[in-house]
Amino acid sequence: MARARADADAAPAAAEELRAQRNTAAFEIGALAHLRAGRAEEALQMLEEGVEHGPDVWLLWQLLGNVHSDLGRAEDARAAYDRAAGCTEADLASIDLNRSILATRDGRGEDALAALARHDDAALRSRGDDIWVRYAWSEACALLALHRPDEARARLERALEHAPEQPADHLATHAEAQLD
């Protein structure tokens, strides 16, 4: 806990140092520090400045979309995700995951499922990160929003068959709360 606090406290200084070097990672680090401190509007401002400096940095556009989504600004979020997807070397699976989350929040469950369907579950599992677990959770949330709890439960159960221990515990805890 103390280590996490120290890292969070050091983030603004690290962001400023990178900014002085004209490194676009400064905007990502600074925005995340603002978000951890509960300052979404400041994070938004930093990310807007960041995409001006690095218009082809997909991660900055995605983070901008995430902040807009969290603030309930669906149109702005969609536009940012579209810009992210058009960037060189964009991680389309990550962007589509966030598009799905936005669509579910916006009451567009079928659009959420369509965004997720663009990526194969086996390919997502082979990436070596936890994105496929987040895909399973997002799909279950979209199915719940569409009043399809049995399909949501089945999706989470399939994910639990393949999940490493930590994500499985995380999914199981949240699945019980959402589906029972």
Protein backbone atom coordinates (compact mmCIF):
# COMPACT_ATOMS: atom_id res chain seq x y z
CA MET A 1 0.00 0.00 0.00
CA ALA A 2 2.76 2.43 0.92
CA ARG A 3 4.59 1.55 -2.31
CA ALA A 4 1.50 2.28 -4.40
CA ARG A 5 1.08 5.62 -2.62
CA ALA A 6 4.73 6.51 -3.22
CA ASP A 7 4.38 5.60 -6.91
CA ALA A 8 1.24 7.74 -7.18
CA ASP A 9 2.99 10.65 -5.47
CA ALA A 10 5.97 10.37 -7.84
CA ALA A 11 3.85 10.22 -11.01
CA PRO A 12 3.31 13.97 -11.46
CA ALA A 13 7.04 14.69 -11.20
CA ALA A 14 7.83 11.89 -13.65
CA ALA A 15 5.20 13.24 -16.03
CA GLU A 16 6.73 16.72 -15.92
CA GLU A 17 10.20 15.35 -16.60
CA LEU A 18 8.93 13.42 -19.63
CA ARG A 19 6.98 16.45 -20.79
CA ALA A 20 10.15 18.53 -20.72
CA GLN A 21 11.69 15.89 -22.99
CA ARG A 22 8.67 16.22 -25.32
CA ASN A 23 7.71 12.59 -24.65
CA THR A 24 3.98 11.88 -25.09
CA ALA A 25 4.09 9.36 -22.23
CA ALA A 26 4.02 12.43 -19.98
CA PHE A 27 0.39 12.99 -20.87
CA GLU A 28 -0.57 9.39 -20.13
CA ILE A 29 1.24 9.35 -16.78
CA GLY A 30 -0.06 12.77 -15.80
CA ALA A 31 -3.64 11.95 -16.76
CA LEU A 32 -3.58 8.67 -14.84
CA ALA A 33 -2.22 10.49 -11.79
CA HIS A 34 -5.08 13.01 -12.04
CA LEU A 35 -7.60 10.17 -12.35
CA ARG A 36 -6.18 8.38 -9.28
CA ALA A 37 -6.59 11.64 -7.38
CA GLY A 38 -10.22 11.94 -8.53
CA ARG A 39 -9.58 14.86 -10.89
CA ALA A 40 -11.20 13.68 -14.12
CA GLU A 41 -11.51 17.15 -15.66
CA GLU A 42 -7.77 17.77 -15.18
CA ALA A 43 -7.04 14.37 -16.72
CA LEU A 44 -9.26 15.29 -19.65
CA GLN A 45 -7.38 18.55 -20.19
CA MET A 46 -4.03 16.77 -20.06
CA LEU A 47 -5.16 14.15 -22.57
CA GLU A 48 -6.56 16.78 -24.93
CA GLU A 49 -3.18 18.50 -24.85
CA GLY A 50 -1.51 15.12 -25.34
CA VAL A 51 -3.40 14.27 -28.52
CA GLU A 52 -2.42 17.68 -29.90
CA HIS A 53 1.24 16.80 -29.33
CA GLY A 54 0.88 13.17 -30.40
CA PRO A 55 -2.07 12.88 -32.80
CA ASP A 56 -1.03 9.35 -33.83
CA VAL A 57 -0.65 7.94 -30.30
CA TRP A 58 -3.60 5.56 -30.06
CA LEU A 59 -3.27 5.07 -26.31
CA LEU A 60 -3.80 8.78 -25.62
CA TRP A 61 -6.93 8.76 -27.77
CA GLN A 62 -8.20 5.64 -26.02
CA LEU A 63 -7.60 7.15 -22.57
CA LEU A 64 -9.35 10.33 -23.72
CA GLY A 65 -12.30 8.18 -24.80
CA ASN A 66 -12.29 6.36 -21.46
CA VAL A 67 -12.43 9.61 -19.50
CA HIS A 68 -15.24 10.94 -21.69
CA SER A 69 -17.07 7.63 -21.20
CA ASP A 70 -16.62 7.79 -17.43
CA LEU A 71 -17.99 11.34 -17.46
CA GLY A 72 -21.05 10.28 -19.47
CA ARG A 73 -19.98 12.04 -22.67
CA ALA A 74 -20.77 9.22 -25.09
CA GLU A 75 -20.40 11.13 -28.37
CA ASP A 76 -17.00 12.51 -27.37
CA ALA A 77 -15.92 9.04 -26.24
CA ARG A 78 -17.00 7.46 -29.54
CA ALA A 79 -15.10 10.11 -31.50
CA ALA A 80 -11.95 9.53 -29.44
CA TYR A 81 -12.18 5.74 -29.92
CA ASP A 82 -12.60 6.25 -33.66
CA ARG A 83 -9.45 8.41 -33.71
CA ALA A 84 -7.60 5.78 -31.65
CA ALA A 85 -8.56 3.05 -34.12
CA GLY A 86 -7.18 5.12 -36.99
CA CYS A 87 -3.73 5.48 -35.43
CA THR A 88 -0.66 3.54 -36.52
CA GLU A 89 -0.18 0.32 -34.54
CA ALA A 90 -3.47 0.77 -32.67
CA ASP A 91 -4.49 -2.10 -30.40
CA LEU A 92 -7.92 -2.65 -31.93
CA ALA A 93 -8.86 -5.33 -29.39
CA SER A 94 -8.31 -2.87 -26.54
CA ILE A 95 -10.18 -0.09 -28.34
CA ASP A 96 -13.11 -2.39 -29.15
CA LEU A 97 -13.26 -3.51 -25.53
CA ASN A 98 -13.69 0.11 -24.51
CA ARG A 99 -16.21 0.68 -27.30
CA SER A 100 -18.17 -2.24 -25.86
CA ILE A 101 -18.09 -0.80 -22.34
CA LEU A 102 -19.31 2.54 -23.69
CA ALA A 103 -22.10 0.91 -25.69
CA THR A 104 -23.30 -1.04 -22.64
CA ARG A 105 -23.28 2.13 -20.54
CA ASP A 106 -25.18 3.87 -23.31
CA GLY A 107 -27.90 1.18 -23.41
CA ARG A 108 -26.72 -0.28 -26.72
CA GLY A 109 -26.12 -3.90 -25.75
CA GLU A 110 -26.19 -5.26 -29.30
CA ASP A 111 -23.53 -2.73 -30.35
CA ALA A 112 -21.46 -3.79 -27.35
CA LEU A 113 -21.62 -7.43 -28.41
CA ALA A 114 -20.78 -6.51 -32.02
CA ALA A 115 -17.63 -4.65 -30.91
CA LEU A 116 -16.48 -7.69 -28.94
CA ALA A 117 -17.33 -10.15 -31.72
CA ARG A 118 -14.65 -8.65 -33.95
CA HIS A 119 -12.00 -10.51 -31.92
CA ASP A 120 -11.55 -14.26 -31.44
CA ASP A 121 -11.51 -15.55 -27.85
CA ALA A 122 -8.56 -17.89 -28.49
CA ALA A 123 -6.51 -15.09 -30.04
CA LEU A 124 -7.29 -12.84 -27.08
CA ARG A 125 -6.19 -15.56 -24.61
CA SER A 126 -2.92 -16.03 -26.50
CA ARG A 127 -1.89 -12.37 -26.05
CA GLY A 128 -0.41 -12.98 -22.62
CA ASP A 129 -2.38 -10.22 -20.89
CA ASP A 130 -5.76 -10.27 -19.19
CA ILE A 131 -7.74 -8.64 -22.00
CA TRP A 132 -9.72 -11.79 -22.72
CA VAL A 133 -10.96 -11.87 -19.11
CA ARG A 134 -12.12 -8.27 -19.50
CA TYR A 135 -13.79 -9.26 -22.79
CA ALA A 136 -15.70 -12.03 -21.03
CA TRP A 137 -16.81 -9.64 -18.30
CA SER A 138 -17.84 -6.96 -20.81
CA GLU A 139 -19.78 -9.50 -22.84
CA ALA A 140 -21.58 -10.71 -19.71
CA CYS A 141 -22.47 -7.11 -18.79
CA ALA A 142 -23.85 -6.49 -22.28
CA LEU A 143 -25.89 -9.69 -22.09
CA LEU A 144 -27.25 -8.65 -18.70
CA ALA A 145 -28.19 -5.25 -20.14
CA LEU A 146 -30.11 -7.12 -22.84
CA HIS A 147 -31.91 -9.16 -20.13
CA ARG A 148 -30.15 -12.39 -21.10
CA PRO A 149 -28.82 -13.57 -17.71
CA ASP A 150 -28.51 -17.26 -18.66
CA GLU A 151 -26.19 -16.38 -21.55
CA ALA A 152 -24.24 -14.03 -19.30
CA ARG A 153 -23.76 -16.78 -16.72
CA ALA A 154 -22.67 -19.25 -19.41
CA ARG A 155 -20.15 -16.74 -20.80
CA LEU A 156 -18.60 -16.22 -17.39
CA GLU A 157 -18.50 -19.95 -16.72
CA ARG A 158 -16.62 -20.48 -20.02
CA ALA A 159 -14.18 -17.75 -19.01
CA LEU A 160 -13.65 -19.33 -15.60
CA GLU A 161 -12.63 -22.60 -17.27
CA HIS A 162 -9.63 -20.83 -18.81
CA ALA A 163 -8.92 -18.08 -16.30
CA PRO A 164 -5.74 -17.99 -14.26
CA GLU A 165 -6.38 -18.06 -10.52
CA GLN A 166 -6.50 -14.30 -9.81
CA PRO A 167 -8.84 -13.27 -12.64
CA ALA A 168 -11.04 -16.30 -11.93
CA ASP A 169 -11.48 -15.18 -8.33
CA HIS A 170 -12.25 -11.67 -9.55
CA LEU A 171 -14.79 -12.90 -12.10
CA ALA A 172 -16.41 -15.32 -9.69
CA THR A 173 -16.91 -12.63 -7.06
CA HIS A 174 -18.47 -10.18 -9.50
CA ALA A 175 -20.47 -12.86 -11.31
CA GLU A 176 -22.16 -13.89 -8.10
CA ALA A 177 -23.12 -10.29 -7.33
CA GLN A 178 -24.44 -9.60 -10.82
CA LEU A 179 -26.08 -12.90 -11.73
CA ASP A 180 -27.60 -14.22 -8.51
